[in-house]
Amino acid sequence: MLTVKNTVRVVCSLALVAAFVISSGSNAIARPKYKDAMSTLYPKLAEKHGKDGKLSCAVCHPGKSKKDRNNYGVAVGNALSKKNETDAAKLKEALETAAKEKSATEGKTFGDLIEALELPGTDEKAN
């Protein structure tokens, strides 16, 4: 039987379920074009280290926070002309510029590591 007390319980239960579903959703990818540009430019690297042929954010972001970047992420960021670049040609250019930078591996650039199908960045935060 539907009483006021039962109605309040049902409404509260539905509100809790809705809150749980909303809060447990996965985080949205802030800049998927960056991952797509890298996966497109380096398909063999994406095939080896990616999921379904796509690299993850972890290539540049070693921690849980996307504000943290490794040495490769910093190099890519420095090569970009603006903070949230969406132009595919400019993203490709930034990735190619970063590939020429020295990596943490002695005597190798990020491009050398990518060519050897190794992930270019370290697991440590650089900023």
N, C-alpha and C. Protein backbone atom coordinates (compact mmCIF):
# COMPACT_ATOMS: atom_id res chain seq x y z
N MET A 1 0.83 -1.17 0.00
CA MET A 1 0.00 0.00 0.00
C MET A 1 0.88 1.24 0.00
N LEU A 2 0.55 2.21 -0.83
CA LEU A 2 1.35 3.41 -1.00
C LEU A 2 0.90 4.48 -0.01
N THR A 3 1.76 4.72 0.96
CA THR A 3 1.48 5.75 1.97
C THR A 3 2.49 6.87 1.79
N VAL A 4 2.29 7.92 2.50
CA VAL A 4 3.22 9.05 2.44
C VAL A 4 4.61 8.60 2.88
N LYS A 5 4.65 7.81 3.91
CA LYS A 5 5.93 7.31 4.44
C LYS A 5 6.64 6.46 3.39
N ASN A 6 5.91 5.57 2.73
CA ASN A 6 6.51 4.73 1.70
C ASN A 6 6.94 5.55 0.48
N THR A 7 6.17 6.55 0.13
CA THR A 7 6.51 7.42 -1.00
C THR A 7 7.83 8.15 -0.73
N VAL A 8 7.98 8.65 0.48
CA VAL A 8 9.23 9.33 0.86
C VAL A 8 10.40 8.36 0.77
N ARG A 9 10.22 7.14 1.23
CA ARG A 9 11.29 6.13 1.16
C ARG A 9 11.67 5.85 -0.30
N VAL A 10 10.68 5.70 -1.16
CA VAL A 10 10.94 5.40 -2.57
C VAL A 10 11.69 6.57 -3.22
N VAL A 11 11.23 7.79 -2.97
CA VAL A 11 11.87 8.97 -3.56
C VAL A 11 13.31 9.10 -3.06
N CYS A 12 13.53 8.91 -1.78
CA CYS A 12 14.89 8.98 -1.22
C CYS A 12 15.77 7.89 -1.79
N SER A 13 15.25 6.70 -1.93
CA SER A 13 16.02 5.58 -2.49
C SER A 13 16.41 5.87 -3.93
N LEU A 14 15.47 6.37 -4.71
CA LEU A 14 15.76 6.71 -6.11
C LEU A 14 16.80 7.83 -6.20
N ALA A 15 16.72 8.79 -5.31
CA ALA A 15 17.70 9.88 -5.30
C ALA A 15 19.10 9.36 -4.97
N LEU A 16 19.18 8.44 -4.01
CA LEU A 16 20.48 7.86 -3.67
C LEU A 16 21.05 7.03 -4.82
N VAL A 17 20.20 6.26 -5.46
CA VAL A 17 20.64 5.46 -6.60
C VAL A 17 21.13 6.38 -7.72
N ALA A 18 20.38 7.43 -8.01
CA ALA A 18 20.78 8.38 -9.06
C ALA A 18 22.11 9.03 -8.72
N ALA A 19 22.29 9.43 -7.47
CA ALA A 19 23.55 10.05 -7.05
C ALA A 19 24.71 9.07 -7.20
N PHE A 20 24.49 7.83 -6.84
CA PHE A 20 25.53 6.82 -6.97
C PHE A 20 25.90 6.59 -8.43
N VAL A 21 24.92 6.48 -9.29
CA VAL A 21 25.18 6.24 -10.72
C VAL A 21 25.94 7.41 -11.33
N ILE A 22 25.55 8.62 -10.99
CA ILE A 22 26.22 9.79 -11.53
C ILE A 22 27.65 9.88 -11.03
N SER A 23 27.88 9.62 -9.76
CA SER A 23 29.23 9.75 -9.19
C SER A 23 30.15 8.61 -9.58
N SER A 24 29.60 7.47 -9.95
CA SER A 24 30.46 6.34 -10.29
C SER A 24 30.78 6.26 -11.78
N GLY A 25 30.30 7.20 -12.55
CA GLY A 25 30.60 7.21 -13.99
C GLY A 25 32.07 7.46 -14.21
N SER A 26 32.56 7.06 -15.37
CA SER A 26 33.98 7.24 -15.67
C SER A 26 34.26 8.70 -16.00
N ASN A 27 35.50 9.11 -15.77
CA ASN A 27 35.89 10.47 -16.06
C ASN A 27 35.93 10.69 -17.55
N ALA A 28 35.48 11.84 -17.99
CA ALA A 28 35.53 12.17 -19.40
C ALA A 28 36.96 12.52 -19.78
N ILE A 29 37.32 12.21 -20.98
CA ILE A 29 38.65 12.55 -21.47
C ILE A 29 38.62 14.01 -21.89
N ALA A 30 39.46 14.81 -21.27
CA ALA A 30 39.43 16.23 -21.52
C ALA A 30 39.90 16.59 -22.92
N ARG A 31 40.91 15.90 -23.39
CA ARG A 31 41.47 16.23 -24.70
C ARG A 31 41.73 14.97 -25.52
N PRO A 32 40.67 14.35 -25.99
CA PRO A 32 40.84 13.10 -26.74
C PRO A 32 41.60 13.29 -28.05
N LYS A 33 41.62 14.50 -28.58
CA LYS A 33 42.33 14.72 -29.85
C LYS A 33 43.82 14.51 -29.68
N TYR A 34 44.35 14.75 -28.50
CA TYR A 34 45.77 14.54 -28.26
C TYR A 34 46.11 13.06 -28.40
N LYS A 35 45.30 12.23 -27.74
CA LYS A 35 45.52 10.78 -27.83
C LYS A 35 45.33 10.29 -29.26
N ASP A 36 44.30 10.79 -29.92
CA ASP A 36 44.02 10.37 -31.29
C ASP A 36 45.15 10.76 -32.23
N ALA A 37 45.68 11.98 -32.05
CA ALA A 37 46.78 12.45 -32.90
C ALA A 37 48.01 11.56 -32.70
N MET A 38 48.31 11.23 -31.46
CA MET A 38 49.48 10.39 -31.19
C MET A 38 49.28 8.97 -31.71
N SER A 39 48.09 8.43 -31.52
CA SER A 39 47.80 7.08 -32.00
C SER A 39 47.85 7.01 -33.52
N THR A 40 47.43 8.09 -34.19
CA THR A 40 47.46 8.15 -35.65
C THR A 40 48.88 8.32 -36.17
N LEU A 41 49.66 9.18 -35.51
CA LEU A 41 51.03 9.44 -35.94
C LEU A 41 51.95 8.25 -35.67
N TYR A 42 51.69 7.54 -34.58
CA TYR A 42 52.52 6.40 -34.20
C TYR A 42 51.67 5.14 -34.05
N PRO A 43 51.14 4.60 -35.16
CA PRO A 43 50.23 3.46 -35.06
C PRO A 43 50.87 2.19 -34.50
N LYS A 44 52.15 1.97 -34.78
CA LYS A 44 52.81 0.76 -34.25
C LYS A 44 52.98 0.85 -32.74
N LEU A 45 53.27 2.05 -32.24
CA LEU A 45 53.37 2.25 -30.79
C LEU A 45 52.01 2.04 -30.14
N ALA A 46 50.97 2.56 -30.80
CA ALA A 46 49.60 2.40 -30.28
C ALA A 46 49.18 0.94 -30.31
N GLU A 47 49.60 0.23 -31.33
CA GLU A 47 49.26 -1.19 -31.44
C GLU A 47 49.93 -2.00 -30.32
N LYS A 48 51.18 -1.64 -30.01
CA LYS A 48 51.91 -2.38 -28.99
C LYS A 48 51.48 -2.00 -27.57
N HIS A 49 51.29 -0.71 -27.31
CA HIS A 49 51.05 -0.25 -25.94
C HIS A 49 49.63 0.23 -25.69
N GLY A 50 48.84 0.32 -26.73
CA GLY A 50 47.50 0.87 -26.57
C GLY A 50 46.45 -0.19 -26.34
N LYS A 51 45.26 0.30 -26.21
CA LYS A 51 44.09 -0.55 -26.04
C LYS A 51 43.23 -0.33 -27.28
N ASP A 52 42.97 -1.37 -28.02
CA ASP A 52 42.22 -1.27 -29.28
C ASP A 52 42.87 -0.29 -30.24
N GLY A 53 44.21 -0.25 -30.27
CA GLY A 53 44.94 0.60 -31.19
C GLY A 53 44.99 2.06 -30.80
N LYS A 54 44.62 2.38 -29.57
CA LYS A 54 44.66 3.76 -29.09
C LYS A 54 45.52 3.84 -27.83
N LEU A 55 46.38 4.83 -27.81
CA LEU A 55 47.20 5.05 -26.62
C LEU A 55 46.37 5.71 -25.53
N SER A 56 46.79 5.55 -24.30
CA SER A 56 46.06 6.14 -23.18
C SER A 56 46.70 7.46 -22.77
N CYS A 57 46.02 8.16 -21.90
CA CYS A 57 46.53 9.43 -21.37
C CYS A 57 47.83 9.23 -20.60
N ALA A 58 48.06 8.01 -20.13
CA ALA A 58 49.23 7.71 -19.29
C ALA A 58 50.55 7.90 -20.04
N VAL A 59 50.52 8.02 -21.35
CA VAL A 59 51.75 8.28 -22.10
C VAL A 59 52.36 9.61 -21.63
N CYS A 60 51.52 10.58 -21.36
CA CYS A 60 51.98 11.90 -20.91
C CYS A 60 51.68 12.17 -19.44
N HIS A 61 50.64 11.51 -18.89
CA HIS A 61 50.19 11.76 -17.53
C HIS A 61 50.39 10.52 -16.66
N PRO A 62 51.48 10.47 -15.87
CA PRO A 62 51.79 9.26 -15.11
C PRO A 62 50.92 9.02 -13.88
N GLY A 63 50.31 10.05 -13.34
CA GLY A 63 49.54 9.90 -12.11
C GLY A 63 48.05 9.90 -12.37
N LYS A 64 47.31 10.00 -11.30
CA LYS A 64 45.86 10.04 -11.41
C LYS A 64 45.37 11.39 -11.90
N SER A 65 46.09 12.45 -11.55
CA SER A 65 45.70 13.79 -11.95
C SER A 65 46.24 14.09 -13.35
N LYS A 66 45.37 14.58 -14.20
CA LYS A 66 45.80 14.92 -15.56
C LYS A 66 46.62 16.22 -15.57
N LYS A 67 46.70 16.88 -14.42
CA LYS A 67 47.55 18.07 -14.32
C LYS A 67 49.02 17.67 -14.24
N ASP A 68 49.28 16.45 -13.80
CA ASP A 68 50.65 15.96 -13.70
C ASP A 68 51.09 15.43 -15.06
N ARG A 69 52.26 15.88 -15.50
CA ARG A 69 52.81 15.39 -16.77
C ARG A 69 54.23 14.89 -16.56
N ASN A 70 54.59 13.88 -17.35
CA ASN A 70 55.97 13.39 -17.30
C ASN A 70 56.82 14.24 -18.25
N ASN A 71 58.07 13.86 -18.43
CA ASN A 71 58.98 14.66 -19.26
C ASN A 71 58.50 14.75 -20.72
N TYR A 72 57.91 13.70 -21.23
CA TYR A 72 57.39 13.74 -22.60
C TYR A 72 56.16 14.64 -22.67
N GLY A 73 55.30 14.56 -21.69
CA GLY A 73 54.12 15.42 -21.65
C GLY A 73 54.49 16.89 -21.59
N VAL A 74 55.54 17.20 -20.84
CA VAL A 74 56.02 18.58 -20.76
C VAL A 74 56.54 19.02 -22.13
N ALA A 75 57.30 18.15 -22.80
CA ALA A 75 57.84 18.49 -24.12
C ALA A 75 56.72 18.74 -25.13
N VAL A 76 55.69 17.92 -25.10
CA VAL A 76 54.55 18.12 -26.01
C VAL A 76 53.85 19.42 -25.66
N GLY A 77 53.62 19.66 -24.38
CA GLY A 77 52.97 20.90 -23.95
C GLY A 77 53.74 22.14 -24.36
N ASN A 78 55.06 22.08 -24.25
CA ASN A 78 55.89 23.22 -24.65
C ASN A 78 55.86 23.45 -26.15
N ALA A 79 55.63 22.40 -26.92
CA ALA A 79 55.61 22.52 -28.38
C ALA A 79 54.27 23.03 -28.91
N LEU A 80 53.26 23.02 -28.07
CA LEU A 80 51.94 23.51 -28.49
C LEU A 80 51.89 25.02 -28.39
N SER A 81 51.21 25.64 -29.34
CA SER A 81 51.11 27.10 -29.35
C SER A 81 50.06 27.63 -28.38
N LYS A 82 49.08 26.79 -28.01
CA LYS A 82 48.09 27.21 -27.03
C LYS A 82 47.71 26.02 -26.15
N LYS A 83 47.08 26.31 -25.02
CA LYS A 83 46.82 25.30 -24.00
C LYS A 83 45.92 24.15 -24.47
N ASN A 84 44.81 24.44 -25.09
CA ASN A 84 43.89 23.39 -25.51
C ASN A 84 43.79 23.37 -27.02
N GLU A 85 44.87 22.98 -27.66
CA GLU A 85 44.92 22.94 -29.12
C GLU A 85 44.01 21.84 -29.66
N THR A 86 43.22 22.17 -30.67
CA THR A 86 42.33 21.17 -31.27
C THR A 86 42.64 20.93 -32.74
N ASP A 87 43.48 21.76 -33.33
CA ASP A 87 43.82 21.61 -34.74
C ASP A 87 44.74 20.40 -34.92
N ALA A 88 44.30 19.44 -35.73
CA ALA A 88 45.04 18.18 -35.92
C ALA A 88 46.44 18.42 -36.47
N ALA A 89 46.59 19.36 -37.39
CA ALA A 89 47.90 19.63 -37.98
C ALA A 89 48.86 20.19 -36.94
N LYS A 90 48.36 21.05 -36.07
CA LYS A 90 49.21 21.63 -35.03
C LYS A 90 49.57 20.60 -33.97
N LEU A 91 48.64 19.70 -33.68
CA LEU A 91 48.95 18.62 -32.73
C LEU A 91 50.04 17.72 -33.29
N LYS A 92 49.92 17.38 -34.57
CA LYS A 92 50.93 16.54 -35.22
C LYS A 92 52.29 17.23 -35.20
N GLU A 93 52.29 18.51 -35.50
CA GLU A 93 53.54 19.29 -35.49
C GLU A 93 54.17 19.31 -34.10
N ALA A 94 53.34 19.47 -33.06
CA ALA A 94 53.85 19.48 -31.69
C ALA A 94 54.44 18.12 -31.31
N LEU A 95 53.77 17.04 -31.71
CA LEU A 95 54.29 15.71 -31.43
C LEU A 95 55.62 15.47 -32.14
N GLU A 96 55.72 15.94 -33.38
CA GLU A 96 56.98 15.79 -34.13
C GLU A 96 58.10 16.63 -33.51
N THR A 97 57.75 17.81 -33.01
CA THR A 97 58.74 18.67 -32.34
C THR A 97 59.21 18.02 -31.05
N ALA A 98 58.28 17.49 -30.28
CA ALA A 98 58.63 16.83 -29.02
C ALA A 98 59.49 15.60 -29.27
N ALA A 99 59.26 14.92 -30.36
CA ALA A 99 60.03 13.71 -30.68
C ALA A 99 61.52 14.01 -30.85
N LYS A 100 61.86 15.24 -31.18
CA LYS A 100 63.25 15.64 -31.40
C LYS A 100 63.97 15.98 -30.08
N GLU A 101 63.21 16.12 -29.01
CA GLU A 101 63.78 16.50 -27.70
C GLU A 101 64.50 15.32 -27.05
N LYS A 102 65.48 15.64 -26.19
CA LYS A 102 66.20 14.60 -25.44
C LYS A 102 65.27 13.96 -24.42
N SER A 103 65.34 12.66 -24.31
CA SER A 103 64.55 11.93 -23.32
C SER A 103 65.40 11.69 -22.08
N ALA A 104 64.82 11.04 -21.09
CA ALA A 104 65.55 10.70 -19.87
C ALA A 104 66.53 9.55 -20.12
N THR A 105 66.35 8.83 -21.22
CA THR A 105 67.26 7.74 -21.58
C THR A 105 68.48 8.36 -22.24
N GLU A 106 69.63 8.11 -21.67
CA GLU A 106 70.86 8.73 -22.15
C GLU A 106 71.12 8.45 -23.63
N GLY A 107 71.35 9.52 -24.37
CA GLY A 107 71.69 9.40 -25.78
C GLY A 107 70.51 9.16 -26.71
N LYS A 108 69.30 9.23 -26.20
CA LYS A 108 68.13 8.98 -27.04
C LYS A 108 67.12 10.13 -26.94
N THR A 109 66.51 10.42 -28.06
CA THR A 109 65.43 11.39 -28.08
C THR A 109 64.12 10.64 -27.85
N PHE A 110 63.06 11.40 -27.64
CA PHE A 110 61.75 10.76 -27.51
C PHE A 110 61.40 10.01 -28.79
N GLY A 111 61.80 10.58 -29.92
CA GLY A 111 61.55 9.93 -31.21
C GLY A 111 62.28 8.61 -31.34
N ASP A 112 63.51 8.54 -30.83
CA ASP A 112 64.26 7.28 -30.85
C ASP A 112 63.50 6.19 -30.08
N LEU A 113 62.97 6.57 -28.93
CA LEU A 113 62.22 5.61 -28.11
C LEU A 113 60.94 5.17 -28.82
N ILE A 114 60.24 6.11 -29.42
CA ILE A 114 59.01 5.79 -30.14
C ILE A 114 59.32 4.86 -31.31
N GLU A 115 60.40 5.14 -32.02
CA GLU A 115 60.79 4.31 -33.16
C GLU A 115 61.12 2.88 -32.70
N ALA A 116 61.66 2.75 -31.49
CA ALA A 116 61.98 1.44 -30.91
C ALA A 116 60.74 0.82 -30.25
N LEU A 117 59.59 1.45 -30.42
CA LEU A 117 58.30 1.01 -29.87
C LEU A 117 58.31 0.97 -28.33
N GLU A 118 59.03 1.93 -27.75
CA GLU A 118 59.04 2.10 -26.31
C GLU A 118 58.27 3.39 -26.00
N LEU A 119 57.56 3.40 -24.88
CA LEU A 119 56.86 4.61 -24.49
C LEU A 119 57.88 5.70 -24.19
N PRO A 120 57.66 6.91 -24.71
CA PRO A 120 58.69 7.95 -24.60
C PRO A 120 58.82 8.60 -23.23
N GLY A 121 57.77 8.69 -22.47
CA GLY A 121 57.82 9.39 -21.19
C GLY A 121 58.21 8.49 -20.04
N THR A 122 58.62 9.12 -18.96
CA THR A 122 58.95 8.38 -17.75
C THR A 122 57.67 8.17 -16.94
N ASP A 123 57.77 7.39 -15.88
CA ASP A 123 56.64 7.17 -14.98
C ASP A 123 56.61 8.23 -13.88
N GLU A 124 57.52 9.19 -13.95
CA GLU A 124 57.61 10.19 -12.91
C GLU A 124 57.05 11.52 -13.38
N LYS A 125 56.52 12.27 -12.44
CA LYS A 125 55.98 13.59 -12.73
C LYS A 125 57.13 14.55 -12.98
N ALA A 126 56.99 15.39 -13.99
CA ALA A 126 58.03 16.37 -14.29
C ALA A 126 57.61 17.77 -13.86
N ASN A 127 56.37 17.95 -13.51
CA ASN A 127 55.92 19.28 -13.08
C ASN A 127 55.07 19.21 -11.85
